[in-house]
Every structure is written in structure tokens, then in C-alpha cells.
N, C-alpha and C. Protein backbone atom coordinates (compact mmCIF):
# COMPACT_ATOMS: atom_id res chain seq x y z
N UNK A 1 -16.33 66.19 -16.94
CA UNK A 1 -17.10 66.28 -18.16
C UNK A 1 -16.99 67.69 -18.68
N UNK A 2 -16.65 67.80 -19.97
CA UNK A 2 -16.55 69.14 -20.55
C UNK A 2 -17.92 69.64 -20.95
N UNK A 3 -18.24 70.85 -20.61
CA UNK A 3 -19.47 71.52 -21.05
C UNK A 3 -19.04 72.67 -21.93
N UNK A 4 -19.78 72.94 -22.94
CA UNK A 4 -19.43 74.01 -23.85
C UNK A 4 -20.44 75.15 -23.73
N UNK A 5 -19.94 76.34 -23.66
CA UNK A 5 -20.75 77.55 -23.56
C UNK A 5 -20.61 78.28 -24.88
N UNK A 6 -21.69 78.50 -25.59
CA UNK A 6 -21.64 79.18 -26.88
C UNK A 6 -21.39 80.66 -26.68
N UNK A 7 -20.54 81.22 -27.53
CA UNK A 7 -20.27 82.66 -27.54
C UNK A 7 -20.52 83.16 -28.95
N UNK A 8 -20.66 84.46 -29.12
CA UNK A 8 -20.91 85.05 -30.43
C UNK A 8 -19.82 84.64 -31.41
N UNK A 9 -20.22 84.49 -32.66
CA UNK A 9 -19.25 84.18 -33.70
C UNK A 9 -18.83 82.74 -33.72
N UNK A 10 -19.58 81.87 -33.10
CA UNK A 10 -19.24 80.44 -33.16
C UNK A 10 -18.09 80.07 -32.25
N UNK A 11 -17.76 80.91 -31.29
CA UNK A 11 -16.69 80.61 -30.37
C UNK A 11 -17.21 79.79 -29.22
N UNK A 12 -16.37 78.93 -28.72
CA UNK A 12 -16.78 78.09 -27.60
C UNK A 12 -15.73 78.17 -26.51
N UNK A 13 -16.20 78.16 -25.27
CA UNK A 13 -15.29 78.02 -24.13
C UNK A 13 -15.56 76.65 -23.56
N UNK A 14 -14.53 75.85 -23.47
CA UNK A 14 -14.70 74.53 -22.88
C UNK A 14 -14.36 74.62 -21.40
N UNK A 15 -15.31 74.36 -20.56
CA UNK A 15 -15.11 74.44 -19.12
C UNK A 15 -15.07 73.04 -18.53
N UNK A 16 -14.00 72.73 -17.85
CA UNK A 16 -13.85 71.41 -17.26
C UNK A 16 -14.46 71.39 -15.86
N UNK A 17 -15.75 71.60 -15.82
CA UNK A 17 -16.44 71.58 -14.54
C UNK A 17 -17.72 70.79 -14.68
N UNK A 18 -18.24 70.36 -13.59
CA UNK A 18 -19.49 69.61 -13.61
C UNK A 18 -20.70 70.52 -13.59
N UNK A 19 -20.46 71.81 -13.31
CA UNK A 19 -21.57 72.76 -13.28
C UNK A 19 -21.42 73.73 -14.43
N UNK A 20 -22.50 74.31 -14.85
CA UNK A 20 -22.48 75.26 -15.95
C UNK A 20 -21.88 76.57 -15.46
N UNK A 21 -20.80 76.98 -16.11
CA UNK A 21 -20.15 78.24 -15.75
C UNK A 21 -20.60 79.31 -16.73
N UNK A 22 -20.95 80.47 -16.24
CA UNK A 22 -21.40 81.56 -17.09
C UNK A 22 -20.20 82.42 -17.46
N UNK A 23 -20.12 82.80 -18.72
CA UNK A 23 -19.04 83.65 -19.17
C UNK A 23 -19.32 85.09 -18.75
N UNK A 24 -18.31 85.75 -18.27
CA UNK A 24 -18.45 87.15 -17.85
C UNK A 24 -18.22 88.07 -19.04
N UNK A 25 -18.59 89.33 -18.91
CA UNK A 25 -18.30 90.29 -19.98
C UNK A 25 -16.79 90.38 -20.26
N UNK A 26 -15.97 90.26 -19.22
CA UNK A 26 -14.51 90.30 -19.41
C UNK A 26 -14.03 89.11 -20.23
N UNK A 27 -14.59 87.93 -19.95
CA UNK A 27 -14.22 86.72 -20.70
C UNK A 27 -14.67 86.86 -22.15
N UNK A 28 -15.90 87.33 -22.35
CA UNK A 28 -16.42 87.53 -23.70
C UNK A 28 -15.54 88.51 -24.48
N UNK A 29 -15.14 89.59 -23.83
CA UNK A 29 -14.30 90.60 -24.47
C UNK A 29 -12.94 90.03 -24.83
N UNK A 30 -12.36 89.22 -23.93
CA UNK A 30 -11.05 88.61 -24.21
C UNK A 30 -11.15 87.67 -25.40
N UNK A 31 -12.20 86.86 -25.45
CA UNK A 31 -12.38 85.92 -26.55
C UNK A 31 -12.54 86.69 -27.87
N UNK A 32 -13.36 87.74 -27.87
CA UNK A 32 -13.57 88.52 -29.08
C UNK A 32 -12.28 89.20 -29.55
N UNK A 33 -11.52 89.76 -28.61
CA UNK A 33 -10.26 90.42 -28.95
C UNK A 33 -9.25 89.41 -29.48
N UNK A 34 -9.20 88.24 -28.86
CA UNK A 34 -8.27 87.20 -29.29
C UNK A 34 -8.65 86.69 -30.68
N UNK A 35 -9.96 86.51 -30.94
CA UNK A 35 -10.42 86.07 -32.25
C UNK A 35 -10.02 87.09 -33.31
N UNK A 36 -10.20 88.38 -33.02
CA UNK A 36 -9.82 89.43 -33.97
C UNK A 36 -8.32 89.39 -34.24
N UNK A 37 -7.53 89.17 -33.20
CA UNK A 37 -6.08 89.08 -33.35
C UNK A 37 -5.69 87.87 -34.19
N UNK A 38 -6.35 86.74 -33.96
CA UNK A 38 -6.08 85.53 -34.76
C UNK A 38 -6.43 85.78 -36.22
N UNK A 39 -7.61 86.35 -36.47
CA UNK A 39 -8.02 86.65 -37.84
C UNK A 39 -7.02 87.59 -38.52
N UNK A 40 -6.57 88.63 -37.81
CA UNK A 40 -5.61 89.58 -38.37
C UNK A 40 -4.28 88.91 -38.68
N UNK A 41 -3.83 88.03 -37.80
CA UNK A 41 -2.56 87.35 -38.02
C UNK A 41 -2.65 86.42 -39.23
N UNK A 42 -3.76 85.69 -39.35
CA UNK A 42 -3.95 84.80 -40.50
C UNK A 42 -3.98 85.64 -41.78
N UNK A 43 -4.70 86.76 -41.76
CA UNK A 43 -4.79 87.64 -42.93
C UNK A 43 -3.42 88.21 -43.30
N UNK A 44 -2.64 88.61 -42.29
CA UNK A 44 -1.32 89.21 -42.55
C UNK A 44 -0.35 88.19 -43.16
N UNK A 45 -0.62 86.92 -42.94
CA UNK A 45 0.22 85.86 -43.52
C UNK A 45 -0.19 85.55 -44.96
N UNK A 46 -1.27 86.19 -45.41
CA UNK A 46 -1.72 85.99 -46.78
C UNK A 46 -2.35 84.63 -47.02
N UNK A 47 -2.93 84.06 -45.98
CA UNK A 47 -3.54 82.74 -46.11
C UNK A 47 -4.95 82.88 -46.68
N UNK A 48 -5.16 82.34 -47.87
CA UNK A 48 -6.49 82.35 -48.47
C UNK A 48 -7.19 81.08 -48.04
N UNK A 49 -8.39 81.22 -47.47
CA UNK A 49 -9.08 80.04 -46.98
C UNK A 49 -9.77 79.23 -48.07
N UNK A 50 -10.00 79.85 -49.24
CA UNK A 50 -10.63 79.14 -50.37
C UNK A 50 -11.86 78.35 -49.94
N UNK A 51 -12.66 78.95 -49.05
CA UNK A 51 -13.88 78.28 -48.59
C UNK A 51 -13.66 77.24 -47.51
N UNK A 52 -12.45 77.17 -46.99
CA UNK A 52 -12.14 76.21 -45.93
C UNK A 52 -12.21 76.90 -44.57
N UNK A 53 -12.42 76.09 -43.57
CA UNK A 53 -12.30 76.60 -42.20
C UNK A 53 -11.54 75.56 -41.40
N UNK A 54 -10.92 76.03 -40.36
CA UNK A 54 -10.19 75.16 -39.45
C UNK A 54 -10.53 75.58 -38.04
N UNK A 55 -10.70 74.61 -37.16
CA UNK A 55 -10.97 74.91 -35.74
C UNK A 55 -9.71 74.62 -34.96
N UNK A 56 -9.31 75.62 -34.17
CA UNK A 56 -8.14 75.45 -33.31
C UNK A 56 -8.57 75.58 -31.86
N UNK A 57 -7.85 74.89 -31.00
CA UNK A 57 -8.09 74.99 -29.57
C UNK A 57 -6.86 75.63 -28.94
N UNK A 58 -7.13 76.66 -28.15
CA UNK A 58 -6.06 77.39 -27.47
C UNK A 58 -6.19 77.17 -25.98
N UNK A 59 -5.13 76.71 -25.37
CA UNK A 59 -5.08 76.57 -23.91
C UNK A 59 -4.76 77.95 -23.35
N UNK A 60 -5.60 78.43 -22.46
CA UNK A 60 -5.43 79.78 -21.90
C UNK A 60 -4.44 79.72 -20.73
N UNK A 61 -3.36 80.47 -20.88
CA UNK A 61 -2.31 80.54 -19.87
C UNK A 61 -2.42 81.88 -19.14
N UNK A 62 -1.78 82.02 -17.99
CA UNK A 62 -1.88 83.28 -17.24
C UNK A 62 -1.42 84.51 -18.02
N UNK A 63 -0.49 84.33 -18.96
CA UNK A 63 0.01 85.46 -19.74
C UNK A 63 -0.63 85.57 -21.12
N UNK A 64 -1.62 84.77 -21.40
CA UNK A 64 -2.29 84.82 -22.72
C UNK A 64 -2.59 83.42 -23.22
N UNK A 65 -2.20 83.15 -24.45
CA UNK A 65 -2.46 81.85 -25.06
C UNK A 65 -1.28 80.91 -24.82
N UNK A 66 -1.63 79.67 -24.56
CA UNK A 66 -0.61 78.64 -24.42
C UNK A 66 -0.56 77.82 -25.69
N UNK A 67 -0.68 76.52 -25.56
CA UNK A 67 -0.61 75.63 -26.71
C UNK A 67 -1.77 75.79 -27.67
N UNK A 68 -1.49 75.56 -28.94
CA UNK A 68 -2.50 75.62 -30.01
C UNK A 68 -2.56 74.25 -30.66
N UNK A 69 -3.77 73.69 -30.76
CA UNK A 69 -3.94 72.41 -31.44
C UNK A 69 -5.08 72.52 -32.45
N UNK A 70 -4.99 71.73 -33.50
CA UNK A 70 -6.05 71.66 -34.50
C UNK A 70 -7.07 70.66 -34.00
N UNK A 71 -8.33 71.06 -33.92
CA UNK A 71 -9.37 70.15 -33.47
C UNK A 71 -10.30 69.73 -34.60
N UNK A 72 -10.33 70.51 -35.68
CA UNK A 72 -11.09 70.13 -36.86
C UNK A 72 -10.35 70.66 -38.07
N UNK A 73 -9.83 69.75 -38.88
CA UNK A 73 -9.03 70.11 -40.03
C UNK A 73 -9.86 70.77 -41.13
N UNK A 74 -9.18 71.57 -41.91
CA UNK A 74 -9.79 72.19 -43.09
C UNK A 74 -9.81 71.20 -44.25
N UNK A 75 -9.08 70.13 -44.11
CA UNK A 75 -8.92 69.17 -45.19
C UNK A 75 -7.60 69.35 -45.91
N UNK A 76 -6.88 70.40 -45.58
CA UNK A 76 -5.58 70.68 -46.17
C UNK A 76 -4.54 70.76 -45.05
N UNK A 77 -3.62 69.79 -45.03
CA UNK A 77 -2.59 69.78 -43.99
C UNK A 77 -1.73 71.05 -44.05
N UNK A 78 -1.45 71.54 -45.26
CA UNK A 78 -0.64 72.75 -45.41
C UNK A 78 -1.35 73.98 -44.85
N UNK A 79 -2.64 74.11 -45.17
CA UNK A 79 -3.42 75.25 -44.65
C UNK A 79 -3.52 75.17 -43.13
N UNK A 80 -3.81 73.97 -42.61
CA UNK A 80 -3.92 73.79 -41.15
C UNK A 80 -2.62 74.20 -40.46
N UNK A 81 -1.48 73.74 -41.00
CA UNK A 81 -0.18 74.06 -40.40
C UNK A 81 0.10 75.55 -40.45
N UNK A 82 -0.26 76.20 -41.58
CA UNK A 82 -0.04 77.63 -41.71
C UNK A 82 -0.91 78.42 -40.73
N UNK A 83 -2.16 78.00 -40.55
CA UNK A 83 -3.04 78.67 -39.60
C UNK A 83 -2.51 78.48 -38.18
N UNK A 84 -2.07 77.28 -37.85
CA UNK A 84 -1.54 77.00 -36.52
C UNK A 84 -0.31 77.87 -36.25
N UNK A 85 0.58 77.98 -37.23
CA UNK A 85 1.78 78.82 -37.07
C UNK A 85 1.40 80.29 -36.92
N UNK A 86 0.43 80.76 -37.71
CA UNK A 86 -0.02 82.14 -37.61
C UNK A 86 -0.64 82.40 -36.24
N UNK A 87 -1.41 81.43 -35.74
CA UNK A 87 -2.06 81.58 -34.43
C UNK A 87 -1.03 81.73 -33.31
N UNK A 88 0.08 81.05 -33.44
CA UNK A 88 1.13 81.15 -32.42
C UNK A 88 1.76 82.54 -32.38
N UNK A 89 1.66 83.27 -33.50
CA UNK A 89 2.24 84.61 -33.59
C UNK A 89 1.25 85.71 -33.21
N UNK A 90 -0.01 85.35 -33.02
CA UNK A 90 -1.03 86.36 -32.73
C UNK A 90 -0.75 87.06 -31.40
N UNK A 91 -1.09 88.33 -31.36
CA UNK A 91 -0.92 89.13 -30.14
C UNK A 91 -2.12 88.85 -29.23
N UNK A 92 -1.87 88.09 -28.17
CA UNK A 92 -2.94 87.70 -27.24
C UNK A 92 -2.66 88.34 -25.89
N UNK A 93 -3.62 89.10 -25.40
CA UNK A 93 -3.45 89.80 -24.13
C UNK A 93 -3.67 88.87 -22.94
N UNK A 94 -3.35 89.38 -21.78
CA UNK A 94 -3.56 88.64 -20.53
C UNK A 94 -5.06 88.40 -20.33
N UNK A 95 -5.46 87.14 -20.09
CA UNK A 95 -6.89 86.83 -19.95
C UNK A 95 -7.41 87.11 -18.55
N UNK A 96 -8.73 87.18 -18.41
CA UNK A 96 -9.30 87.25 -17.06
C UNK A 96 -8.99 85.95 -16.32
N UNK A 97 -8.85 86.03 -15.04
CA UNK A 97 -8.48 84.87 -14.22
C UNK A 97 -9.40 83.67 -14.42
N UNK A 98 -10.69 83.93 -14.67
CA UNK A 98 -11.64 82.83 -14.82
C UNK A 98 -11.37 81.94 -16.04
N UNK A 99 -10.58 82.45 -17.01
CA UNK A 99 -10.28 81.66 -18.20
C UNK A 99 -8.99 80.87 -18.11
N UNK A 100 -8.12 81.26 -17.18
CA UNK A 100 -6.81 80.61 -17.06
C UNK A 100 -7.00 79.12 -16.76
N UNK A 101 -6.31 78.30 -17.55
CA UNK A 101 -6.38 76.85 -17.39
C UNK A 101 -7.46 76.20 -18.23
N UNK A 102 -8.31 77.00 -18.84
CA UNK A 102 -9.37 76.47 -19.70
C UNK A 102 -8.91 76.49 -21.15
N UNK A 103 -9.73 75.95 -22.01
CA UNK A 103 -9.43 76.01 -23.44
C UNK A 103 -10.53 76.79 -24.15
N UNK A 104 -10.13 77.47 -25.21
CA UNK A 104 -11.06 78.21 -26.04
C UNK A 104 -10.87 77.71 -27.47
N UNK A 105 -11.97 77.43 -28.15
CA UNK A 105 -11.92 76.93 -29.51
C UNK A 105 -12.38 78.03 -30.46
N UNK A 106 -11.57 78.26 -31.48
CA UNK A 106 -11.86 79.28 -32.48
C UNK A 106 -12.01 78.64 -33.85
N UNK A 107 -12.94 79.12 -34.64
CA UNK A 107 -13.08 78.70 -36.03
C UNK A 107 -12.53 79.83 -36.90
N UNK A 108 -11.54 79.49 -37.71
CA UNK A 108 -10.91 80.47 -38.59
C UNK A 108 -11.17 80.07 -40.04
N UNK A 109 -11.37 81.06 -40.89
CA UNK A 109 -11.68 80.79 -42.29
C UNK A 109 -13.18 80.82 -42.50
N UNK A 110 -13.57 80.59 -43.70
CA UNK A 110 -14.99 80.66 -44.06
C UNK A 110 -15.46 79.29 -44.52
N UNK A 111 -16.22 78.61 -43.69
CA UNK A 111 -16.71 77.29 -44.11
C UNK A 111 -17.71 77.44 -45.25
N UNK A 112 -17.64 76.50 -46.17
CA UNK A 112 -18.62 76.50 -47.25
C UNK A 112 -19.93 76.00 -46.68
N UNK A 113 -21.04 76.50 -47.22
CA UNK A 113 -22.34 76.09 -46.73
C UNK A 113 -23.02 75.22 -47.78
N UNK A 114 -23.91 74.41 -47.35
CA UNK A 114 -24.65 73.53 -48.24
C UNK A 114 -26.01 74.13 -48.60
N UNK A 115 -26.15 75.42 -48.46
CA UNK A 115 -27.43 76.06 -48.68
C UNK A 115 -27.76 76.26 -50.15
N UNK A 116 -26.77 76.05 -51.00
CA UNK A 116 -27.00 76.23 -52.42
C UNK A 116 -26.86 77.67 -52.87
N UNK A 117 -26.43 78.53 -51.99
CA UNK A 117 -26.24 79.94 -52.34
C UNK A 117 -25.05 80.07 -53.30
N UNK A 118 -25.10 80.94 -54.28
CA UNK A 118 -24.00 81.09 -55.25
C UNK A 118 -22.75 81.64 -54.61
């Protein structure tokens, strides 16, 4: 059973364990650094989110990020594909051992809110 541990910025670590695993400062730092790298790569590709967001899942490999999959579409197949391609190019450092083999889900872009704010 997958349990999700909330991290700052809407990031989630999916842990495939039956017990609740606590994220370490090293894991939190790796996730934050990887998110910043993903955001920078998407920005460098000139991808305008136009109020869209896309959620990607990254399989953590011993040398950094492994496979990237879309888990929640932005509603635009072209934008999703561009974000996925940009994510594959992101500079991802070696993760802490506790994250290897797990998946991390990132939300990229700016989701529109229903709050009625201008």
C-alpha cells in the first residue's frame, strides 16, 4: 500500500511500505533541489504554463532521476509532453539512499484557483 508523505511546496514522496516512513532532512533537501532544477529546466525551455499545472512522477534511481511519467495532465498534451521532455533534461543529483527505488511526485506550473481572485 502506498502512503504519501507531504513535503513543502506540494511535493509528495510515495513510499511503498506498510509503515509510515519519515523524510529526513537529506531527503527533503534532495526533493527541494530537484524541484528547483525541474522548474529551471522548464523555464529555460520557454514553456508558459498559462495557468496550467502538470504532475509528474519521477522514479528515484541510484544516480538521480529515472523514469518520468505524467500522473495528472495539464489538459494540454503538447504542454505535458514538453514538460516531460524538459524534466528528462533537468540536472538531478545523486539522492540519499533512503529515496532510491521510491517515486517522487512534483507539480510543475501554476494551477488556476477557484477562489475568484483576479
